Amino acid sequence: MAEATVRHMDQDQPEAAALADREQAILALERRGFPGPGAKERAIREELGLAPVRYFQLLNALLDDPRALAHDPVTVNRLRRVREARRAER
């Protein structure tokens, strides 16, 4: 019975399970390609109003969020592989 209650509570709060607009915008930006050096940083500042350092902090946390994986599994898995490869190089 407790299990049914938990499922019911999750269904009552679907917005709690969804990504915020800013989180979705971060993933959308990561799906895009950028033509040259500095273009991505410029887009981060202009479109999201974030400093690149803060953007990458938020992105890194987002890669560990199961909601992000459910929202965009291709992008999140690709970025996780890149992150792990960089960690292995250190």
PDB file of N, CA and C in Angstrom:
ATOM      1  N   MET A   1       0.823  -1.191   0.000  1.00  0.00           N
ATOM      2  CA  MET A   1       0.000   0.000   0.000  1.00  0.00           C
ATOM      3  C   MET A   1       0.868   1.255   0.000  1.00  0.00           C
ATOM      4  N   ALA A   2       1.953   1.253   0.737  1.00  0.00           N
ATOM      5  CA  ALA A   2       2.847   2.405   0.763  1.00  0.00           C
ATOM      6  C   ALA A   2       3.432   2.666  -0.620  1.00  0.00           C
ATOM      7  N   GLU A   3       3.716   1.594  -1.364  1.00  0.00           N
ATOM      8  CA  GLU A   3       4.271   1.748  -2.701  1.00  0.00           C
ATOM      9  C   GLU A   3       3.273   2.462  -3.618  1.00  0.00           C
ATOM     10  N   ALA A   4       2.005   2.112  -3.515  1.00  0.00           N
ATOM     11  CA  ALA A   4       0.979   2.764  -4.334  1.00  0.00           C
ATOM     12  C   ALA A   4       0.874   4.240  -3.967  1.00  0.00           C
ATOM     13  N   THR A   5       1.018   4.557  -2.694  1.00  0.00           N
ATOM     14  CA  THR A   5       0.968   5.939  -2.247  1.00  0.00           C
ATOM     15  C   THR A   5       2.124   6.741  -2.839  1.00  0.00           C
ATOM     16  N   VAL A   6       3.307   6.151  -2.861  1.00  0.00           N
ATOM     17  CA  VAL A   6       4.467   6.829  -3.417  1.00  0.00           C
ATOM     18  C   VAL A   6       4.247   7.118  -4.896  1.00  0.00           C
ATOM     19  N   ARG A   7       3.765   6.129  -5.644  1.00  0.00           N
ATOM     20  CA  ARG A   7       3.502   6.344  -7.071  1.00  0.00           C
ATOM     21  C   ARG A   7       2.472   7.443  -7.263  1.00  0.00           C
ATOM     22  N   HIS A   8       1.431   7.451  -6.418  1.00  0.00           N
ATOM     23  CA  HIS A   8       0.380   8.450  -6.531  1.00  0.00           C
ATOM     24  C   HIS A   8       0.946   9.848  -6.274  1.00  0.00           C
ATOM     25  N   MET A   9       1.804   9.988  -5.283  1.00  0.00           N
ATOM     26  CA  MET A   9       2.400  11.285  -4.979  1.00  0.00           C
ATOM     27  C   MET A   9       3.253  11.767  -6.144  1.00  0.00           C
ATOM     28  N   ASP A  10       4.004  10.890  -6.789  1.00  0.00           N
ATOM     29  CA  ASP A  10       4.817  11.272  -7.928  1.00  0.00           C
ATOM     30  C   ASP A  10       3.950  11.779  -9.063  1.00  0.00           C
ATOM     31  N   GLN A  11       2.786  11.153  -9.264  1.00  0.00           N
ATOM     32  CA  GLN A  11       1.892  11.560 -10.341  1.00  0.00           C
ATOM     33  C   GLN A  11       1.257  12.911 -10.049  1.00  0.00           C
ATOM     34  N   ASP A  12       1.079  13.251  -8.783  1.00  0.00           N
ATOM     35  CA  ASP A  12       0.487  14.532  -8.417  1.00  0.00           C
ATOM     36  C   ASP A  12       1.457  15.690  -8.615  1.00  0.00           C
ATOM     37  N   GLN A  13       2.764  15.402  -8.724  1.00  0.00           N
ATOM     38  CA  GLN A  13       3.766  16.456  -8.828  1.00  0.00           C
ATOM     39  C   GLN A  13       4.664  16.257 -10.043  1.00  0.00           C
ATOM     40  N   PRO A  14       4.111  16.222 -11.259  1.00  0.00           N
ATOM     41  CA  PRO A  14       4.947  15.983 -12.426  1.00  0.00           C
ATOM     42  C   PRO A  14       5.946  17.095 -12.668  1.00  0.00           C
ATOM     43  N   GLU A  15       5.614  18.334 -12.269  1.00  0.00           N
ATOM     44  CA  GLU A  15       6.548  19.430 -12.487  1.00  0.00           C
ATOM     45  C   GLU A  15       7.809  19.284 -11.651  1.00  0.00           C
ATOM     46  N   ALA A  16       7.732  18.577 -10.527  1.00  0.00           N
ATOM     47  CA  ALA A  16       8.908  18.351  -9.693  1.00  0.00           C
ATOM     48  C   ALA A  16       9.900  17.434 -10.407  1.00  0.00           C
ATOM     49  N   ALA A  17       9.403  16.568 -11.274  1.00  0.00           N
ATOM     50  CA  ALA A  17      10.267  15.637 -11.986  1.00  0.00           C
ATOM     51  C   ALA A  17      10.804  16.233 -13.285  1.00  0.00           C
ATOM     52  N   ALA A  18      10.226  17.334 -13.747  1.00  0.00           N
ATOM     53  CA  ALA A  18      10.655  17.947 -15.007  1.00  0.00           C
ATOM     54  C   ALA A  18      11.852  18.856 -14.769  1.00  0.00           C
ATOM     55  N   LEU A  19      12.630  19.026 -15.806  1.00  0.00           N
ATOM     56  CA  LEU A  19      13.761  19.947 -15.740  1.00  0.00           C
ATOM     57  C   LEU A  19      13.263  21.388 -15.807  1.00  0.00           C
ATOM     58  N   ALA A  20      13.957  22.273 -15.139  1.00  0.00           N
ATOM     59  CA  ALA A  20      13.641  23.696 -15.214  1.00  0.00           C
ATOM     60  C   ALA A  20      13.992  24.211 -16.606  1.00  0.00           C
ATOM     61  N   ASP A  21      13.437  25.348 -16.952  1.00  0.00           N
ATOM     62  CA  ASP A  21      13.696  25.936 -18.264  1.00  0.00           C
ATOM     63  C   ASP A  21      15.193  26.149 -18.501  1.00  0.00           C
ATOM     64  N   ARG A  22      15.896  26.637 -17.483  1.00  0.00           N
ATOM     65  CA  ARG A  22      17.337  26.875 -17.642  1.00  0.00           C
ATOM     66  C   ARG A  22      18.078  25.566 -17.879  1.00  0.00           C
ATOM     67  N   GLU A  23      17.687  24.502 -17.183  1.00  0.00           N
ATOM     68  CA  GLU A  23      18.336  23.202 -17.386  1.00  0.00           C
ATOM     69  C   GLU A  23      18.084  22.678 -18.794  1.00  0.00           C
ATOM     70  N   GLN A  24      16.871  22.856 -19.280  1.00  0.00           N
ATOM     71  CA  GLN A  24      16.559  22.448 -20.644  1.00  0.00           C
ATOM     72  C   GLN A  24      17.344  23.280 -21.655  1.00  0.00           C
ATOM     73  N   ALA A  25      17.515  24.572 -21.376  1.00  0.00           N
ATOM     74  CA  ALA A  25      18.268  25.450 -22.273  1.00  0.00           C
ATOM     75  C   ALA A  25      19.741  25.052 -22.311  1.00  0.00           C
ATOM     76  N   ILE A  26      20.286  24.621 -21.185  1.00  0.00           N
ATOM     77  CA  ILE A  26      21.676  24.166 -21.143  1.00  0.00           C
ATOM     78  C   ILE A  26      21.853  22.940 -22.024  1.00  0.00           C
ATOM     79  N   LEU A  27      20.952  21.983 -21.915  1.00  0.00           N
ATOM     80  CA  LEU A  27      21.038  20.784 -22.755  1.00  0.00           C
ATOM     81  C   LEU A  27      20.839  21.123 -24.228  1.00  0.00           C
ATOM     82  N   ALA A  28      19.948  22.050 -24.517  1.00  0.00           N
ATOM     83  CA  ALA A  28      19.724  22.458 -25.913  1.00  0.00           C
ATOM     84  C   ALA A  28      20.978  23.109 -26.488  1.00  0.00           C
ATOM     85  N   LEU A  29      21.648  23.909 -25.695  1.00  0.00           N
ATOM     86  CA  LEU A  29      22.882  24.544 -26.156  1.00  0.00           C
ATOM     87  C   LEU A  29      23.953  23.492 -26.431  1.00  0.00           C
ATOM     88  N   GLU A  30      24.002  22.459 -25.603  1.00  0.00           N
ATOM     89  CA  GLU A  30      24.998  21.394 -25.795  1.00  0.00           C
ATOM     90  C   GLU A  30      24.720  20.555 -27.040  1.00  0.00           C
ATOM     91  N   ARG A  31      23.498  20.524 -27.501  1.00  0.00           N
ATOM     92  CA  ARG A  31      23.166  19.778 -28.725  1.00  0.00           C
ATOM     93  C   ARG A  31      23.664  20.486 -29.978  1.00  0.00           C
ATOM     94  N   ARG A  32      23.876  21.787 -29.876  1.00  0.00           N
ATOM     95  CA  ARG A  32      24.271  22.582 -31.036  1.00  0.00           C
ATOM     96  C   ARG A  32      25.761  22.460 -31.326  1.00  0.00           C
ATOM     97  N   GLY A  33      26.104  22.739 -32.560  1.00  0.00           N
ATOM     98  CA  GLY A  33      27.503  22.837 -32.949  1.00  0.00           C
ATOM     99  C   GLY A  33      27.883  24.305 -33.021  1.00  0.00           C
ATOM    100  N   PHE A  34      29.146  24.608 -32.814  1.00  0.00           N
ATOM    101  CA  PHE A  34      29.597  25.991 -32.837  1.00  0.00           C
ATOM    102  C   PHE A  34      30.730  26.139 -33.839  1.00  0.00           C
ATOM    103  N   PRO A  35      30.709  27.223 -34.620  1.00  0.00           N
ATOM    104  CA  PRO A  35      31.627  27.374 -35.751  1.00  0.00           C
ATOM    105  C   PRO A  35      33.091  27.594 -35.403  1.00  0.00           C
ATOM    106  N   GLY A  36      33.382  28.202 -34.297  1.00  0.00           N
ATOM    107  CA  GLY A  36      34.793  28.488 -34.005  1.00  0.00           C
ATOM    108  C   GLY A  36      35.020  28.770 -32.547  1.00  0.00           C
ATOM    109  N   PRO A  37      36.271  29.034 -32.217  1.00  0.00           N
ATOM    110  CA  PRO A  37      36.608  29.300 -30.817  1.00  0.00           C
ATOM    111  C   PRO A  37      35.886  30.548 -30.296  1.00  0.00           C
ATOM    112  N   GLY A  38      35.380  30.445 -29.118  1.00  0.00           N
ATOM    113  CA  GLY A  38      34.695  31.569 -28.489  1.00  0.00           C
ATOM    114  C   GLY A  38      33.215  31.658 -28.799  1.00  0.00           C
ATOM    115  N   ALA A  39      32.752  30.961 -29.823  1.00  0.00           N
ATOM    116  CA  ALA A  39      31.344  31.054 -30.201  1.00  0.00           C
ATOM    117  C   ALA A  39      30.440  30.466 -29.113  1.00  0.00           C
ATOM    118  N   LYS A  40      30.860  29.350 -28.543  1.00  0.00           N
ATOM    119  CA  LYS A  40      30.048  28.719 -27.501  1.00  0.00           C
ATOM    120  C   LYS A  40      29.987  29.607 -26.259  1.00  0.00           C
ATOM    121  N   GLU A  41      31.130  30.152 -25.856  1.00  0.00           N
ATOM    122  CA  GLU A  41      31.163  31.021 -24.682  1.00  0.00           C
ATOM    123  C   GLU A  41      30.295  32.257 -24.895  1.00  0.00           C
ATOM    124  N   ARG A  42      30.327  32.797 -26.098  1.00  0.00           N
ATOM    125  CA  ARG A  42      29.496  33.957 -26.430  1.00  0.00           C
ATOM    126  C   ARG A  42      28.008  33.586 -26.331  1.00  0.00           C
ATOM    127  N   ALA A  43      27.647  32.419 -26.852  1.00  0.00           N
ATOM    128  CA  ALA A  43      26.253  31.966 -26.784  1.00  0.00           C
ATOM    129  C   ALA A  43      25.826  31.754 -25.334  1.00  0.00           C
ATOM    130  N   ILE A  44      26.715  31.225 -24.517  1.00  0.00           N
ATOM    131  CA  ILE A  44      26.403  31.008 -23.096  1.00  0.00           C
ATOM    132  C   ILE A  44      26.063  32.342 -22.432  1.00  0.00           C
ATOM    133  N   ARG A  45      26.890  33.345 -22.687  1.00  0.00           N
ATOM    134  CA  ARG A  45      26.665  34.666 -22.075  1.00  0.00           C
ATOM    135  C   ARG A  45      25.403  35.337 -22.620  1.00  0.00           C
ATOM    136  N   GLU A  46      25.243  35.324 -23.941  1.00  0.00           N
ATOM    137  CA  GLU A  46      24.142  36.057 -24.564  1.00  0.00           C
ATOM    138  C   GLU A  46      22.793  35.365 -24.375  1.00  0.00           C
ATOM    139  N   GLU A  47      22.752  34.055 -24.551  1.00  0.00           N
ATOM    140  CA  GLU A  47      21.475  33.349 -24.524  1.00  0.00           C
ATOM    141  C   GLU A  47      21.032  32.946 -23.120  1.00  0.00           C
ATOM    142  N   LEU A  48      21.992  32.612 -22.275  1.00  0.00           N
ATOM    143  CA  LEU A  48      21.633  32.134 -20.938  1.00  0.00           C
ATOM    144  C   LEU A  48      21.939  33.149 -19.839  1.00  0.00           C
ATOM    145  N   GLY A  49      22.744  34.166 -20.160  1.00  0.00           N
ATOM    146  CA  GLY A  49      23.093  35.171 -19.161  1.00  0.00           C
ATOM    147  C   GLY A  49      23.973  34.624 -18.059  1.00  0.00           C
ATOM    148  N   LEU A  50      24.790  33.628 -18.395  1.00  0.00           N
ATOM    149  CA  LEU A  50      25.669  32.997 -17.415  1.00  0.00           C
ATOM    150  C   LEU A  50      27.127  33.196 -17.792  1.00  0.00           C
ATOM    151  N   ALA A  51      27.978  33.244 -16.793  1.00  0.00           N
ATOM    152  CA  ALA A  51      29.413  33.190 -17.047  1.00  0.00           C
ATOM    153  C   ALA A  51      29.736  31.749 -17.457  1.00  0.00           C
ATOM    154  N   PRO A  52      30.657  31.559 -18.384  1.00  0.00           N
ATOM    155  CA  PRO A  52      30.991  30.195 -18.814  1.00  0.00           C
ATOM    156  C   PRO A  52      31.372  29.259 -17.664  1.00  0.00           C
ATOM    157  N   VAL A  53      32.085  29.762 -16.676  1.00  0.00           N
ATOM    158  CA  VAL A  53      32.470  28.905 -15.542  1.00  0.00           C
ATOM    159  C   VAL A  53      31.229  28.388 -14.827  1.00  0.00           C
ATOM    160  N   ARG A  54      30.262  29.257 -14.581  1.00  0.00           N
ATOM    161  CA  ARG A  54      29.025  28.846 -13.906  1.00  0.00           C
ATOM    162  C   ARG A  54      28.234  27.879 -14.778  1.00  0.00           C
ATOM    163  N   TYR A  55      28.198  28.148 -16.073  1.00  0.00           N
ATOM    164  CA  TYR A  55      27.511  27.267 -17.017  1.00  0.00           C
ATOM    165  C   TYR A  55      28.062  25.850 -16.918  1.00  0.00           C
ATOM    166  N   PHE A  56      29.383  25.713 -16.937  1.00  0.00           N
ATOM    167  CA  PHE A  56      29.978  24.378 -16.901  1.00  0.00           C
ATOM    168  C   PHE A  56      29.782  23.710 -15.543  1.00  0.00           C
ATOM    169  N   GLN A  57      29.690  24.483 -14.465  1.00  0.00           N
ATOM    170  CA  GLN A  57      29.358  23.903 -13.163  1.00  0.00           C
ATOM    171  C   GLN A  57      27.938  23.330 -13.196  1.00  0.00           C
ATOM    172  N   LEU A  58      27.007  24.098 -13.739  1.00  0.00           N
ATOM    173  CA  LEU A  58      25.619  23.636 -13.822  1.00  0.00           C
ATOM    174  C   LEU A  58      25.500  22.432 -14.751  1.00  0.00           C
ATOM    175  N   LEU A  59      26.216  22.471 -15.872  1.00  0.00           N
ATOM    176  CA  LEU A  59      26.181  21.357 -16.816  1.00  0.00           C
ATOM    177  C   LEU A  59      26.709  20.084 -16.165  1.00  0.00           C
ATOM    178  N   ASN A  60      27.812  20.185 -15.452  1.00  0.00           N
ATOM    179  CA  ASN A  60      28.390  19.013 -14.810  1.00  0.00           C
ATOM    180  C   ASN A  60      27.412  18.403 -13.801  1.00  0.00           C
ATOM    181  N   ALA A  61      26.745  19.229 -13.022  1.00  0.00           N
ATOM    182  CA  ALA A  61      25.745  18.723 -12.069  1.00  0.00           C
ATOM    183  C   ALA A  61      24.562  18.099 -12.815  1.00  0.00           C
ATOM    184  N   LEU A  62      24.198  18.700 -13.929  1.00  0.00           N
ATOM    185  CA  LEU A  62      23.072  18.207 -14.720  1.00  0.00           C
ATOM    186  C   LEU A  62      23.357  16.819 -15.291  1.00  0.00           C
ATOM    187  N   LEU A  63      24.603  16.538 -15.612  1.00  0.00           N
ATOM    188  CA  LEU A  63      24.955  15.230 -16.173  1.00  0.00           C
ATOM    189  C   LEU A  63      24.727  14.096 -15.176  1.00  0.00           C
ATOM    190  N   ASP A  64      24.687  14.426 -13.894  1.00  0.00           N
ATOM    191  CA  ASP A  64      24.445  13.417 -12.859  1.00  0.00           C
ATOM    192  C   ASP A  64      22.975  13.352 -12.446  1.00  0.00           C
ATOM    193  N   ASP A  65      22.145  14.147 -13.067  1.00  0.00           N
ATOM    194  CA  ASP A  65      20.727  14.227 -12.720  1.00  0.00           C
ATOM    195  C   ASP A  65      19.926  13.247 -13.584  1.00  0.00           C
ATOM    196  N   PRO A  66      19.239  12.296 -12.980  1.00  0.00           N
ATOM    197  CA  PRO A  66      18.451  11.335 -13.763  1.00  0.00           C
ATOM    198  C   PRO A  66      17.356  11.996 -14.607  1.00  0.00           C
ATOM    199  N   ARG A  67      16.868  13.153 -14.188  1.00  0.00           N
ATOM    200  CA  ARG A  67      15.864  13.866 -14.980  1.00  0.00           C
ATOM    201  C   ARG A  67      16.447  14.323 -16.315  1.00  0.00           C
ATOM    202  N   ALA A  68      17.711  14.736 -16.298  1.00  0.00           N
ATOM    203  CA  ALA A  68      18.368  15.165 -17.536  1.00  0.00           C
ATOM    204  C   ALA A  68      18.532  13.978 -18.475  1.00  0.00           C
ATOM    205  N   LEU A  69      18.901  12.842 -17.924  1.00  0.00           N
ATOM    206  CA  LEU A  69      19.053  11.636 -18.737  1.00  0.00           C
ATOM    207  C   LEU A  69      17.723  11.253 -19.375  1.00  0.00           C
ATOM    208  N   ALA A  70      16.646  11.359 -18.627  1.00  0.00           N
ATOM    209  CA  ALA A  70      15.324  11.043 -19.170  1.00  0.00           C
ATOM    210  C   ALA A  70      14.905  12.060 -20.234  1.00  0.00           C
ATOM    211  N   HIS A  71      15.293  13.312 -20.055  1.00  0.00           N
ATOM    212  CA  HIS A  71      14.912  14.378 -20.987  1.00  0.00           C
ATOM    213  C   HIS A  71      15.658  14.284 -22.318  1.00  0.00           C
ATOM    214  N   ASP A  72      16.970  14.019 -22.255  1.00  0.00           N
ATOM    215  CA  ASP A  72      17.794  14.003 -23.475  1.00  0.00           C
ATOM    216  C   ASP A  72      18.913  12.976 -23.322  1.00  0.00           C
ATOM    217  N   PRO A  73      18.579  11.688 -23.432  1.00  0.00           N
ATOM    218  CA  PRO A  73      19.574  10.643 -23.175  1.00  0.00           C
ATOM    219  C   PRO A  73      20.766  10.672 -24.132  1.00  0.00           C
ATOM    220  N   VAL A  74      20.574  11.043 -25.377  1.00  0.00           N
ATOM    221  CA  VAL A  74      21.679  11.050 -26.336  1.00  0.00           C
ATOM    222  C   VAL A  74      22.730  12.087 -25.932  1.00  0.00           C
ATOM    223  N   THR A  75      22.279  13.294 -25.660  1.00  0.00           N
ATOM    224  CA  THR A  75      23.209  14.361 -25.279  1.00  0.00           C
ATOM    225  C   THR A  75      23.878  14.067 -23.948  1.00  0.00           C
ATOM    226  N   VAL A  76      23.103  13.652 -22.961  1.00  0.00           N
ATOM    227  CA  VAL A  76      23.666  13.395 -21.629  1.00  0.00           C
ATOM    228  C   VAL A  76      24.677  12.249 -21.682  1.00  0.00           C
ATOM    229  N   ASN A  77      24.358  11.174 -22.370  1.00  0.00           N
ATOM    230  CA  ASN A  77      25.314  10.057 -22.453  1.00  0.00           C
ATOM    231  C   ASN A  77      26.583  10.451 -23.202  1.00  0.00           C
ATOM    232  N   ARG A  78      26.449  11.253 -24.268  1.00  0.00           N
ATOM    233  CA  ARG A  78      27.628  11.724 -25.004  1.00  0.00           C
ATOM    234  C   ARG A  78      28.513  12.577 -24.097  1.00  0.00           C
ATOM    235  N   LEU A  79      27.907  13.496 -23.362  1.00  0.00           N
ATOM    236  CA  LEU A  79      28.679  14.364 -22.480  1.00  0.00           C
ATOM    237  C   LEU A  79      29.293  13.592 -21.312  1.00  0.00           C
ATOM    238  N   ARG A  80      28.597  12.587 -20.827  1.00  0.00           N
ATOM    239  CA  ARG A  80      29.172  11.747 -19.772  1.00  0.00           C
ATOM    240  C   ARG A  80      30.417  11.016 -20.276  1.00  0.00           C
ATOM    241  N   ARG A  81      30.359  10.508 -21.521  1.00  0.00           N
ATOM    242  CA  ARG A  81      31.527   9.824 -22.098  1.00  0.00           C
ATOM    243  C   ARG A  81      32.705  10.783 -22.238  1.00  0.00           C
ATOM    244  N   VAL A  82      32.435  11.993 -22.688  1.00  0.00           N
ATOM    245  CA  VAL A  82      33.490  13.006 -22.825  1.00  0.00           C
ATOM    246  C   VAL A  82      34.087  13.318 -21.460  1.00  0.00           C
ATOM    247  N   ARG A  83      33.239  13.487 -20.475  1.00  0.00           N
ATOM    248  CA  ARG A  83      33.710  13.799 -19.121  1.00  0.00           C
ATOM    249  C   ARG A  83      34.583  12.673 -18.577  1.00  0.00           C
ATOM    250  N   GLU A  84      34.141  11.441 -18.750  1.00  0.00           N
ATOM    251  CA  GLU A  84      34.922  10.303 -18.259  1.00  0.00           C
ATOM    252  C   GLU A  84      36.254  10.176 -18.987  1.00  0.00           C
ATOM    253  N   ALA A  85      36.281  10.443 -20.285  1.00  0.00           N
ATOM    254  CA  ALA A  85      37.534  10.382 -21.045  1.00  0.00           C
ATOM    255  C   ALA A  85      38.497  11.438 -20.539  1.00  0.00           C
ATOM    256  N   ARG A  86      38.012  12.611 -20.240  1.00  0.00           N
ATOM    257  CA  ARG A  86      38.879  13.685 -19.714  1.00  0.00           C
ATOM    258  C   ARG A  86      39.399  13.343 -18.321  1.00  0.00           C
ATOM    259  N   ARG A  87      38.564  12.738 -17.515  1.00  0.00           N
ATOM    260  CA  ARG A  87      39.001  12.330 -16.180  1.00  0.00           C
ATOM    261  C   ARG A  87      40.073  11.238 -16.270  1.00  0.00           C
ATOM    262  N   ALA A  88      39.924  10.348 -17.234  1.00  0.00           N
ATOM    263  CA  ALA A  88      40.891   9.252 -17.394  1.00  0.00           C
ATOM    264  C   ALA A  88      42.246   9.785 -17.858  1.00  0.00           C
ATOM    265  N   GLU A  89      42.266  10.895 -18.580  1.00  0.00           N
ATOM    266  CA  GLU A  89      43.518  11.490 -19.050  1.00  0.00           C
ATOM    267  C   GLU A  89      44.323  12.099 -17.907  1.00  0.00           C
ATOM    268  N   ARG A  90      43.673  12.474 -16.838  1.00  0.00           N
ATOM    269  CA  ARG A  90      44.356  13.160 -15.717  1.00  0.00           C
ATOM    270  C   ARG A  90      45.159  12.209 -14.884  1.00  0.00           C
TER     271      ARG A  90
END
